[in-house]
């Protein structure tokens, strides 16, 4: 057992206009979840501090908007080089505060870098349109202009990837940003802000403000902030969307998930079992794209459950800094107890507990929980109806493909889904039928590459645009259409009719 003793808590600063502002009177505590000990403190911003950040960002944005696209692109290339050269440093910061394994954290950084790389092509993504001679001597062109100041509110489960999905695009488009990371693991956002500054970003264009609901509410109400990007649970996403829209802000709010993986009778069951374990228990299940419900079609249920259970025996759970471990802790003790509650309530509601992760013991005070496998799950059970967000895999059994599709389409979430089959016709039909935003064909976690976009349907997305890719440039810019004519003085005349071409 590794003993961790903390005597002095690290003070994690706000960053406003390049200034590092120490925590004030109202503070939050950051923990190392693998050992259950406090490691840092953050200030919890009030409305006054948010307002100061918004004013600072607005002033910086005026000059940043004037910076040429070539120089913005050069900055993105420089940010990419800084993060690439120090990716392990950032990964270890993630592991220290989130708990996921270092290789998992490195993967998170790599997926975030995809969007930075996409943003290096900002000159193409920000191109407008032009049509000459709409009518005699009349031309029309359309340009993209930044919103101004935008806020990015990110969750704990991807403390580097999610900021890198939002911030680079917003800045590339000419905006200034207020980044409010999760108060549970905020240091990655501070590191990213420092990387942008090192790359040459002017002070005030990227600001980091820590806080809880009070800070979020101040962001939603502040008249300077014109757009809000959010990722988190569905109830909070709905609240963010409603409140931001009520204050006339543009908003994209990505919510929770209940991701299903259909396993057809013709599927390679070994591959399907491997995928279910990987996608269900990676990062302790704290992923919005985690597979939490496996739908066994036809008679494959018994064999599939047996194969999954056999693989679970070999899972190595422990401190994410130990290279032998595959799964780290949950983010907090409260999160662990919440997941325990789902497991405890499964059998009383009629499910079968095949593997009970609560039985696994750990030689640590960290927030660890063993992986659980629950069979014979059905809609109406709490373990199915709610987003567990922990290492719990449910198995549902249906007789046919049609039943499986109906089950998924009836679910209120629509973030990600997958089908495992060897039949191309079934796979194509699934792609056509399913009412989910991201679909995998023999791919259990279908997170799109950075040149596409990320976002679900139904209660997994509030707002009209997905995250990163070309849709993100649409979100962080406004279209302006200009109609121009240069007549001779002799052509001028009064006309009170509606203009036509």
Protein backbone atom coordinates (compact mmCIF):
# COMPACT_ATOMS: atom_id res chain seq x y z
CA UNK A 1 0.00 0.00 0.00
CA UNK A 2 1.25 3.46 -0.94
CA UNK A 3 0.83 6.03 1.80
CA UNK A 4 0.11 9.61 0.78
CA UNK A 5 0.35 12.34 3.38
CA UNK A 6 -0.55 15.92 2.49
CA UNK A 7 0.47 18.74 4.80
CA UNK A 8 0.13 21.78 2.54
CA UNK A 9 -2.69 22.06 0.05
CA UNK A 10 -1.82 23.39 -3.40
CA UNK A 11 -3.58 26.67 -4.12
CA UNK A 12 -5.11 26.37 -7.58
CA UNK A 13 -5.64 29.87 -8.96
CA UNK A 14 -8.25 31.57 -11.08
CA UNK A 15 -6.66 33.14 -14.16
CA UNK A 16 -8.15 36.47 -15.27
CA UNK A 17 -6.35 38.69 -17.75
CA UNK A 18 -3.16 36.68 -17.23
CA UNK A 19 -3.23 37.31 -13.48
CA UNK A 20 -3.26 34.34 -11.12
CA UNK A 21 -5.85 35.06 -8.43
CA UNK A 22 -5.59 33.01 -5.26
CA UNK A 23 -8.67 31.43 -3.62
CA UNK A 24 -10.77 33.81 -1.57
CA UNK A 25 -12.84 33.11 1.50
CA UNK A 26 -15.22 30.61 -0.12
CA UNK A 27 -13.19 27.57 -1.10
CA UNK A 28 -13.47 24.08 -2.48
CA UNK A 29 -11.22 21.09 -1.86
CA UNK A 30 -9.56 18.95 -4.54
CA UNK A 31 -8.79 15.32 -3.71
CA UNK A 32 -6.54 12.56 -4.92
CA UNK A 33 -9.30 9.95 -5.35
CA UNK A 34 -6.88 7.02 -5.33
CA UNK A 35 -5.92 7.78 -1.73
CA UNK A 36 -8.89 9.77 -0.47
CA UNK A 37 -6.75 12.70 0.65
CA UNK A 38 -7.07 16.41 -0.01
CA UNK A 39 -4.36 17.80 -2.28
CA UNK A 40 -5.53 21.26 -3.30
CA UNK A 41 -7.83 24.20 -2.78
CA UNK A 42 -9.71 26.36 -5.26
CA UNK A 43 -11.67 29.53 -4.82
CA UNK A 44 -15.38 29.33 -5.58
CA UNK A 45 -16.10 32.40 -7.67
CA UNK A 46 -19.00 34.71 -6.93
CA UNK A 47 -20.90 36.89 -9.38
CA UNK A 48 -18.46 39.78 -8.92
CA UNK A 49 -15.47 37.68 -9.97
CA UNK A 50 -17.36 36.28 -12.97
CA UNK A 51 -18.29 39.83 -13.96
CA UNK A 52 -14.64 40.88 -13.70
CA UNK A 53 -13.63 37.97 -15.91
CA UNK A 54 -16.32 38.86 -18.45
CA UNK A 55 -15.22 42.51 -18.61
CA UNK A 56 -11.59 41.50 -18.96
CA UNK A 57 -12.43 39.02 -21.70
CA UNK A 58 -14.53 41.57 -23.58
CA UNK A 59 -11.69 44.08 -23.61
CA UNK A 60 -9.16 41.46 -24.76
CA UNK A 61 -11.51 40.17 -27.44
CA UNK A 62 -11.56 43.52 -29.22
CA UNK A 63 -7.86 43.23 -30.02
CA UNK A 64 -7.91 39.47 -30.55
CA UNK A 65 -10.58 39.80 -33.22
CA UNK A 66 -8.23 42.10 -35.15
CA UNK A 67 -5.46 39.47 -35.20
CA UNK A 68 -5.12 37.99 -38.69
CA UNK A 69 -6.19 34.43 -39.41
CA UNK A 70 -2.67 33.42 -40.38
CA UNK A 71 -1.36 34.42 -36.95
CA UNK A 72 -4.26 32.66 -35.22
CA UNK A 73 -3.44 29.50 -37.15
CA UNK A 74 0.23 29.81 -36.19
CA UNK A 75 -0.81 30.02 -32.55
CA UNK A 76 -2.82 26.82 -32.89
CA UNK A 77 0.20 25.05 -34.35
CA UNK A 78 2.26 26.27 -31.41
CA UNK A 79 -0.35 25.10 -28.89
CA UNK A 80 -0.29 21.71 -30.56
CA UNK A 81 3.49 21.49 -30.23
CA UNK A 82 3.44 22.47 -26.55
CA UNK A 83 0.78 19.93 -25.64
CA UNK A 84 2.34 17.19 -27.75
CA UNK A 85 5.78 17.67 -26.24
CA UNK A 86 4.41 17.66 -22.68
CA UNK A 87 1.48 15.29 -23.02
CA UNK A 88 2.74 13.00 -20.27
CA UNK A 89 2.95 15.93 -17.87
CA UNK A 90 -0.68 16.83 -18.55
CA UNK A 91 -1.75 13.18 -18.32
CA UNK A 92 -0.22 12.84 -14.88
CA UNK A 93 -2.05 15.97 -13.69
CA UNK A 94 -5.28 14.33 -14.84
CA UNK A 95 -4.49 11.09 -13.03
CA UNK A 96 -3.62 12.89 -9.80
CA UNK A 97 -7.01 14.62 -9.59
CA UNK A 98 -9.39 12.39 -11.57
CA UNK A 99 -7.88 8.99 -10.82
CA UNK A 100 -7.98 7.40 -14.29
CA UNK A 101 -4.88 5.50 -15.30
CA UNK A 102 -2.02 7.38 -16.91
CA UNK A 103 -2.43 5.55 -20.28
CA UNK A 104 -6.13 6.41 -20.23
CA UNK A 105 -5.25 10.03 -19.48
CA UNK A 106 -2.75 10.08 -22.34
CA UNK A 107 -5.51 8.87 -24.63
CA UNK A 108 -7.73 11.71 -23.42
CA UNK A 109 -5.02 14.24 -24.26
CA UNK A 110 -4.57 12.70 -27.71
CA UNK A 111 -8.28 12.98 -28.48
CA UNK A 112 -8.27 16.60 -27.34
CA UNK A 113 -5.32 17.32 -29.61
CA UNK A 114 -7.38 16.19 -32.60
CA UNK A 115 -9.48 19.32 -32.23
CA UNK A 116 -6.44 21.57 -31.86
CA UNK A 117 -5.15 20.07 -35.11
CA UNK A 118 -8.53 20.66 -36.76
CA UNK A 119 -8.40 24.30 -35.65
CA UNK A 120 -5.04 24.83 -37.37
CA UNK A 121 -7.14 24.88 -40.55
CA UNK A 122 -9.19 27.81 -39.27
CA UNK A 123 -8.60 29.85 -42.44
CA UNK A 124 -10.63 27.28 -44.34
CA UNK A 125 -13.27 26.83 -41.65
CA UNK A 126 -13.95 30.57 -41.38
CA UNK A 127 -14.33 31.20 -45.10
CA UNK A 128 -17.41 33.15 -46.14
CA UNK A 129 -19.42 33.09 -49.36
CA UNK A 130 -19.75 35.51 -52.26
CA UNK A 131 -22.19 35.82 -55.15
CA UNK A 132 -21.75 38.57 -57.69
CA UNK A 133 -24.37 40.05 -59.97
CA UNK A 134 -27.43 38.85 -58.01
CA UNK A 135 -29.08 41.63 -59.96
CA UNK A 136 -27.50 44.18 -62.26
CA UNK A 137 -24.67 45.78 -60.31
CA UNK A 138 -25.75 44.04 -57.07
CA UNK A 139 -23.44 41.68 -55.14
CA UNK A 140 -24.03 39.67 -51.94
CA UNK A 141 -21.45 38.21 -49.60
CA UNK A 142 -21.60 36.48 -46.24
CA UNK A 143 -18.93 36.51 -43.52
CA UNK A 144 -18.48 34.77 -40.19
CA UNK A 145 -17.84 36.96 -37.18
CA UNK A 146 -17.15 35.94 -33.56
CA UNK A 147 -19.84 36.04 -30.89
CA UNK A 148 -17.54 38.02 -28.58
CA UNK A 149 -17.16 36.44 -25.13
CA UNK A 150 -18.18 32.82 -24.62
CA UNK A 151 -18.15 30.51 -21.60
CA UNK A 152 -17.09 26.86 -21.57
CA UNK A 153 -18.35 24.80 -18.61
CA UNK A 154 -16.67 21.39 -18.52
CA UNK A 155 -17.21 18.20 -16.47
CA UNK A 156 -14.86 16.22 -14.24
CA UNK A 157 -14.62 13.07 -16.33
CA UNK A 158 -12.48 14.56 -19.12
CA UNK A 159 -10.65 17.49 -17.51
CA UNK A 160 -8.37 18.06 -20.53
CA UNK A 161 -10.21 16.66 -23.53
CA UNK A 162 -13.44 18.62 -23.04
CA UNK A 163 -11.70 22.01 -22.64
CA UNK A 164 -9.68 21.16 -25.76
CA UNK A 165 -12.91 20.36 -27.61
CA UNK A 166 -14.32 23.81 -26.82
CA UNK A 167 -11.63 26.41 -26.16
CA UNK A 168 -9.45 26.14 -29.31
CA UNK A 169 -12.42 26.50 -31.66
CA UNK A 170 -13.84 29.46 -29.78
CA UNK A 171 -10.46 31.22 -29.79
CA UNK A 172 -9.72 30.33 -33.42
CA UNK A 173 -13.02 31.94 -34.38
CA UNK A 174 -11.98 35.20 -32.71
CA UNK A 175 -13.75 34.95 -29.38
CA UNK A 176 -12.48 35.39 -25.83
CA UNK A 177 -13.25 32.56 -23.41
CA UNK A 178 -14.15 32.09 -19.76
CA UNK A 179 -13.42 28.45 -18.92
CA UNK A 180 -15.10 27.08 -15.81
CA UNK A 181 -13.79 23.57 -15.24
CA UNK A 182 -15.16 21.08 -12.75
CA UNK A 183 -14.19 22.02 -9.23
CA UNK A 184 -13.21 18.38 -8.65
CA UNK A 185 -10.21 18.30 -11.01
CA UNK A 186 -9.43 21.85 -12.18
CA UNK A 187 -5.64 21.78 -12.59
CA UNK A 188 -5.70 20.50 -16.18
CA UNK A 189 -7.60 23.62 -17.26
CA UNK A 190 -5.04 25.87 -15.57
CA UNK A 191 -2.28 23.94 -17.37
CA UNK A 192 -4.06 24.37 -20.72
CA UNK A 193 -4.45 28.12 -20.12
CA UNK A 194 -0.72 28.34 -19.39
CA UNK A 195 0.01 26.43 -22.61
CA UNK A 196 -2.03 28.92 -24.65
CA UNK A 197 -0.24 31.82 -23.00
CA UNK A 198 3.15 30.21 -23.67
CA UNK A 199 2.10 29.82 -27.30
CA UNK A 200 1.55 33.57 -27.52
CA UNK A 201 -2.16 34.06 -26.77
CA UNK A 202 -2.68 37.58 -25.38
CA UNK A 203 -3.74 37.89 -21.75
CA UNK A 204 -7.48 38.00 -21.22
CA UNK A 205 -8.44 35.96 -24.27
CA UNK A 206 -8.54 32.78 -22.18
CA UNK A 207 -9.58 33.08 -18.54
CA UNK A 208 -10.13 30.30 -16.00
CA UNK A 209 -12.70 30.78 -13.25
CA UNK A 210 -13.39 28.05 -10.70
CA UNK A 211 -16.67 27.65 -8.93
CA UNK A 212 -19.91 25.87 -8.22
CA UNK A 213 -23.54 26.67 -9.06
CA UNK A 214 -23.12 30.30 -8.00
CA UNK A 215 -20.44 30.79 -10.65
CA UNK A 216 -22.50 28.98 -13.28
CA UNK A 217 -25.57 31.08 -12.55
CA UNK A 218 -23.47 34.24 -12.84
CA UNK A 219 -22.19 33.07 -16.23
CA UNK A 220 -25.71 32.39 -17.44
CA UNK A 221 -26.94 35.82 -16.37
CA UNK A 222 -23.98 38.00 -17.38
CA UNK A 223 -24.95 40.14 -20.39
CA UNK A 224 -21.40 40.25 -21.76
CA UNK A 225 -21.25 36.47 -22.27
CA UNK A 226 -22.96 35.66 -25.56
CA UNK A 227 -22.58 31.90 -25.80
CA UNK A 228 -22.31 28.92 -23.45
CA UNK A 229 -20.92 25.45 -24.13
CA UNK A 230 -21.60 22.76 -21.52
CA UNK A 231 -21.13 19.05 -20.97
CA UNK A 232 -22.58 17.29 -17.92
CA UNK A 233 -25.64 15.45 -16.64
CA UNK A 234 -29.00 15.77 -18.36
CA UNK A 235 -30.77 17.66 -15.53
CA UNK A 236 -27.99 20.28 -15.45
CA UNK A 237 -27.78 20.41 -19.25
CA UNK A 238 -31.51 21.14 -19.41
CA UNK A 239 -31.10 23.85 -16.76
CA UNK A 240 -28.14 25.42 -18.58
CA UNK A 241 -30.06 25.41 -21.85
CA UNK A 242 -33.19 26.93 -20.36
CA UNK A 243 -31.44 29.63 -18.36
CA UNK A 244 -28.95 30.57 -21.07
CA UNK A 245 -31.70 30.83 -23.67
CA UNK A 246 -33.77 32.94 -21.30
CA UNK A 247 -30.85 35.39 -21.21
CA UNK A 248 -30.67 35.43 -25.03
CA UNK A 249 -27.45 33.44 -25.23
CA UNK A 250 -26.47 30.90 -27.83
CA UNK A 251 -26.12 27.55 -26.06
CA UNK A 252 -25.01 23.98 -26.66
CA UNK A 253 -25.57 21.73 -23.65
CA UNK A 254 -24.61 18.07 -23.90
CA UNK A 255 -26.26 15.85 -21.29
CA UNK A 256 -26.20 12.30 -20.02
CA UNK A 257 -26.41 8.92 -21.69
CA UNK A 258 -27.56 5.33 -21.54
CA UNK A 259 -25.49 3.76 -24.27
CA UNK A 260 -26.64 0.38 -25.58
CA UNK A 261 -24.61 -2.24 -27.40
CA UNK A 262 -26.63 -4.77 -29.39
CA UNK A 263 -25.07 -8.21 -29.83
CA UNK A 264 -26.66 -10.14 -32.68
CA UNK A 265 -26.72 -13.97 -32.84
CA UNK A 266 -24.15 -13.96 -35.65
CA UNK A 267 -21.67 -11.74 -33.79
CA UNK A 268 -18.19 -12.82 -32.74
CA UNK A 269 -19.01 -13.27 -29.06
CA UNK A 270 -15.41 -13.11 -27.91
CA UNK A 271 -14.96 -9.77 -29.66
CA UNK A 272 -18.29 -8.57 -28.26
CA UNK A 273 -17.33 -9.59 -24.72
CA UNK A 274 -13.97 -7.86 -25.02
CA UNK A 275 -15.72 -4.71 -26.26
CA UNK A 276 -18.34 -4.77 -23.52
CA UNK A 277 -15.71 -5.01 -20.78
CA UNK A 278 -13.50 -2.34 -22.36
CA UNK A 279 -16.32 0.11 -23.06
CA UNK A 280 -18.21 -0.59 -19.85
CA UNK A 281 -15.45 -0.42 -17.26
CA UNK A 282 -12.75 1.82 -18.74
CA UNK A 283 -12.20 4.92 -16.60
CA UNK A 284 -14.39 3.22 -13.95
CA UNK A 285 -17.39 3.76 -16.22
CA UNK A 286 -17.16 7.54 -15.82
CA UNK A 287 -17.55 8.27 -19.52
CA UNK A 288 -20.59 9.72 -21.26
CA UNK A 289 -19.85 7.28 -24.10
CA UNK A 290 -19.43 4.23 -21.85
CA UNK A 291 -21.48 1.19 -22.75
CA UNK A 292 -23.78 0.61 -19.79
CA UNK A 293 -26.42 -1.66 -21.37
CA UNK A 294 -25.67 -4.75 -23.46
CA UNK A 295 -28.66 -6.03 -25.42
CA UNK A 296 -28.34 -9.75 -26.15
CA UNK A 297 -30.49 -10.80 -29.13
CA UNK A 298 -31.86 -14.30 -29.55
CA UNK A 299 -30.14 -17.07 -27.64
CA UNK A 300 -26.72 -15.53 -27.14
CA UNK A 301 -27.38 -14.20 -23.64
CA UNK A 302 -26.06 -17.08 -21.52
CA UNK A 303 -22.82 -17.51 -23.47
CA UNK A 304 -22.21 -13.77 -23.73
CA UNK A 305 -22.75 -13.18 -20.00
CA UNK A 306 -20.41 -16.05 -19.15
CA UNK A 307 -17.69 -14.64 -21.40
CA UNK A 308 -18.04 -11.14 -19.92
CA UNK A 309 -17.96 -12.47 -16.35
CA UNK A 310 -14.83 -14.53 -17.09
CA UNK A 311 -13.01 -11.47 -18.38
CA UNK A 312 -14.01 -9.39 -15.37
CA UNK A 313 -12.06 -11.69 -13.05
CA UNK A 314 -8.81 -10.39 -14.50
CA UNK A 315 -9.51 -6.66 -14.22
CA UNK A 316 -6.82 -4.84 -12.26
CA UNK A 317 -8.20 -1.95 -10.19
CA UNK A 318 -6.02 0.44 -8.25
CA UNK A 319 -3.97 3.62 -8.28
CA UNK A 320 -3.84 5.03 -11.81
CA UNK A 321 -0.13 5.75 -11.46
CA UNK A 322 0.60 2.01 -11.13
CA UNK A 323 1.25 0.76 -14.68
CA UNK A 324 -0.18 -2.66 -13.78
CA UNK A 325 -3.65 -1.22 -13.12
CA UNK A 326 -6.36 -0.84 -15.75
CA UNK A 327 -9.08 0.95 -13.78
CA UNK A 328 -8.77 3.72 -11.24
CA UNK A 329 -11.13 5.00 -8.54
CA UNK A 330 -14.36 6.91 -8.85
CA UNK A 331 -14.08 10.67 -8.53
CA UNK A 332 -15.51 11.00 -4.98
CA UNK A 333 -16.68 8.90 -2.06
CA UNK A 334 -20.22 10.14 -2.74
CA UNK A 335 -20.02 8.92 -6.34
CA UNK A 336 -18.87 5.51 -5.13
CA UNK A 337 -21.77 5.23 -2.68
CA UNK A 338 -24.24 6.28 -5.36
CA UNK A 339 -23.01 3.50 -7.66
CA UNK A 340 -23.13 1.01 -4.79
CA UNK A 341 -26.80 1.92 -4.44
CA UNK A 342 -27.54 0.92 -8.04
CA UNK A 343 -25.91 -2.48 -7.48
CA UNK A 344 -27.70 -3.02 -4.17
CA UNK A 345 -31.08 -2.25 -5.69
CA UNK A 346 -30.79 -4.45 -8.78
CA UNK A 347 -31.86 -7.83 -7.38
CA UNK A 348 -34.79 -6.50 -5.33
CA UNK A 349 -36.19 -5.14 -8.60
CA UNK A 350 -35.87 -8.51 -10.35
CA UNK A 351 -32.42 -8.46 -11.94
CA UNK A 352 -29.71 -11.09 -11.45
CA UNK A 353 -26.41 -9.99 -9.93
CA UNK A 354 -23.75 -12.06 -11.72
CA UNK A 355 -20.68 -10.18 -10.45
CA UNK A 356 -21.00 -7.96 -7.37
CA UNK A 357 -18.25 -5.36 -7.38
CA UNK A 358 -19.06 -4.37 -3.81
CA UNK A 359 -17.42 -7.59 -2.64
CA UNK A 360 -13.97 -6.58 -3.88
CA UNK A 361 -11.72 -5.26 -1.13
CA UNK A 362 -9.01 -2.63 -1.58
CA UNK A 363 -5.97 -1.92 0.54
CA UNK A 364 -6.49 1.82 0.22
CA UNK A 365 -8.62 4.70 1.46
CA UNK A 366 -9.28 5.66 -2.16
CA UNK A 367 -12.70 5.74 -3.78
CA UNK A 368 -12.45 2.33 -5.42
CA UNK A 369 -15.28 0.02 -6.39
CA UNK A 370 -15.13 -3.32 -8.14
CA UNK A 371 -16.85 -3.87 -11.48
CA UNK A 372 -20.38 -5.30 -11.42
CA UNK A 373 -22.34 -7.32 -14.00
CA UNK A 374 -26.14 -7.34 -13.76
CA UNK A 375 -28.17 -9.73 -15.93
CA UNK A 376 -31.89 -9.90 -16.78
CA UNK A 377 -32.28 -6.13 -16.53
CA UNK A 378 -35.41 -4.49 -17.95
CA UNK A 379 -36.86 -1.00 -18.36
CA UNK A 380 -38.42 0.20 -15.13
CA UNK A 381 -35.46 -0.90 -13.04
CA UNK A 382 -33.44 1.95 -11.57
CA UNK A 383 -30.13 0.44 -12.77
CA UNK A 384 -31.47 0.76 -16.32
CA UNK A 385 -33.56 3.90 -16.20
CA UNK A 386 -30.89 6.17 -14.70
CA UNK A 387 -27.38 7.04 -15.80
CA UNK A 388 -25.17 5.03 -13.42
CA UNK A 389 -21.83 6.61 -14.38
CA UNK A 390 -19.80 3.89 -12.72
CA UNK A 391 -18.42 0.38 -13.29
CA UNK A 392 -21.77 -1.38 -13.70
CA UNK A 393 -22.72 -3.26 -16.86
CA UNK A 394 -26.35 -4.28 -17.39
CA UNK A 395 -27.48 -7.04 -19.74
CA UNK A 396 -30.95 -7.01 -21.30
CA UNK A 397 -32.34 -9.92 -23.31
CA UNK A 398 -34.64 -9.64 -26.31
CA UNK A 399 -35.80 -12.06 -28.98
CA UNK A 400 -35.23 -10.04 -32.13
CA UNK A 401 -33.42 -7.18 -33.83
CA UNK A 402 -36.68 -5.21 -33.99
CA UNK A 403 -37.15 -5.49 -30.22
CA UNK A 404 -33.59 -4.33 -29.62
CA UNK A 405 -34.01 -1.28 -31.83
CA UNK A 406 -37.34 -0.41 -30.21
CA UNK A 407 -35.75 -0.68 -26.78
CA UNK A 408 -33.06 1.84 -27.71
CA UNK A 409 -35.40 4.20 -29.54
CA UNK A 410 -37.78 4.24 -26.59
CA UNK A 411 -34.97 5.25 -24.22
CA UNK A 412 -34.95 8.98 -23.42
CA UNK A 413 -31.19 9.21 -24.03
CA UNK A 414 -29.60 9.17 -27.47
CA UNK A 415 -25.88 9.77 -27.08
CA UNK A 416 -24.08 6.70 -28.45
CA UNK A 417 -24.90 3.14 -29.45
CA UNK A 418 -23.28 0.16 -31.14
CA UNK A 419 -24.16 -3.09 -32.85
CA UNK A 420 -21.99 -6.19 -33.10
CA UNK A 421 -22.80 -8.33 -36.13
CA UNK A 422 -21.12 -9.97 -39.11
CA UNK A 423 -24.01 -9.15 -41.42
CA UNK A 424 -23.66 -5.97 -43.45
CA UNK A 425 -27.36 -5.70 -44.22
CA UNK A 426 -28.26 -5.76 -40.51
CA UNK A 427 -25.59 -3.17 -39.76
CA UNK A 428 -26.83 -0.88 -42.52
CA UNK A 429 -30.42 -1.22 -41.33
CA UNK A 430 -29.34 -0.43 -37.78
CA UNK A 431 -27.61 2.74 -38.95
CA UNK A 432 -30.85 3.72 -40.72
CA UNK A 433 -33.28 2.79 -37.92
CA UNK A 434 -31.60 3.93 -34.74
CA UNK A 435 -32.47 7.29 -33.16
CA UNK A 436 -29.07 8.03 -31.63
CA UNK A 437 -26.50 10.67 -32.52
CA UNK A 438 -23.34 8.53 -32.66
CA UNK A 439 -23.38 4.95 -33.95
CA UNK A 440 -20.74 2.23 -33.91
CA UNK A 441 -20.69 -0.81 -36.17
CA UNK A 442 -18.53 -3.34 -34.30
CA UNK A 443 -17.06 -0.26 -32.56
CA UNK A 444 -18.18 0.00 -28.92
CA UNK A 445 -17.26 3.65 -28.24
CA UNK A 446 -18.02 5.54 -31.48
CA UNK A 447 -16.48 8.91 -30.57
CA UNK A 448 -15.99 10.65 -33.94
CA UNK A 449 -12.59 11.92 -35.05
CA UNK A 450 -12.01 15.64 -34.73
CA UNK A 451 -12.98 16.48 -38.31
CA UNK A 452 -16.57 15.36 -37.68
CA UNK A 453 -18.62 16.39 -34.64
CA UNK A 454 -19.67 15.02 -31.26
CA UNK A 455 -23.24 15.10 -29.99
CA UNK A 456 -26.27 12.99 -29.19
CA UNK A 457 -30.01 13.17 -29.73
CA UNK A 458 -33.03 13.37 -27.42
CA UNK A 459 -32.16 14.10 -23.77
CA UNK A 460 -28.44 13.84 -24.51
CA UNK A 461 -28.30 17.22 -26.28
CA UNK A 462 -29.99 20.56 -25.66
CA UNK A 463 -29.38 23.06 -28.42
CA UNK A 464 -28.95 22.68 -32.14
CA UNK A 465 -25.22 22.19 -32.69
CA UNK A 466 -22.82 19.41 -31.85
CA UNK A 467 -19.33 19.87 -30.43
CA UNK A 468 -16.01 20.28 -32.30
CA UNK A 469 -15.62 19.94 -36.05
CA UNK A 470 -17.34 22.26 -38.51
CA UNK A 471 -20.45 22.55 -36.32
CA UNK A 472 -18.35 24.15 -33.61
CA UNK A 473 -17.21 26.91 -35.95
CA UNK A 474 -20.88 27.47 -36.76
CA UNK A 475 -21.66 27.73 -33.06
CA UNK A 476 -18.88 30.17 -32.18
CA UNK A 477 -19.55 32.52 -35.11
CA UNK A 478 -22.45 34.61 -36.37
CA UNK A 479 -23.25 35.01 -40.04
CA UNK A 480 -23.43 38.51 -41.47
CA UNK A 481 -24.81 39.01 -44.98
CA UNK A 482 -23.83 42.15 -46.90
CA UNK A 483 -25.67 43.33 -50.01
CA UNK A 484 -23.73 45.97 -51.96
CA UNK A 485 -24.31 48.20 -54.96
CA UNK A 486 -22.21 51.03 -56.38
CA UNK A 487 -24.53 53.05 -58.61
CA UNK A 488 -23.74 56.12 -60.60
CA UNK A 489 -25.23 59.33 -59.07
CA UNK A 490 -27.61 59.60 -61.99
CA UNK A 491 -29.11 56.19 -61.13
CA UNK A 492 -30.39 57.26 -57.70
CA UNK A 493 -34.18 57.49 -57.29
CA UNK A 494 -36.91 57.21 -54.66
CA UNK A 495 -38.71 53.85 -54.59
CA UNK A 496 -41.13 52.99 -51.76
CA UNK A 497 -41.90 49.47 -52.99
CA UNK A 498 -40.38 46.39 -51.39
CA UNK A 499 -36.99 45.76 -52.97
CA UNK A 500 -36.84 42.95 -55.52
CA UNK A 501 -34.05 41.66 -57.68
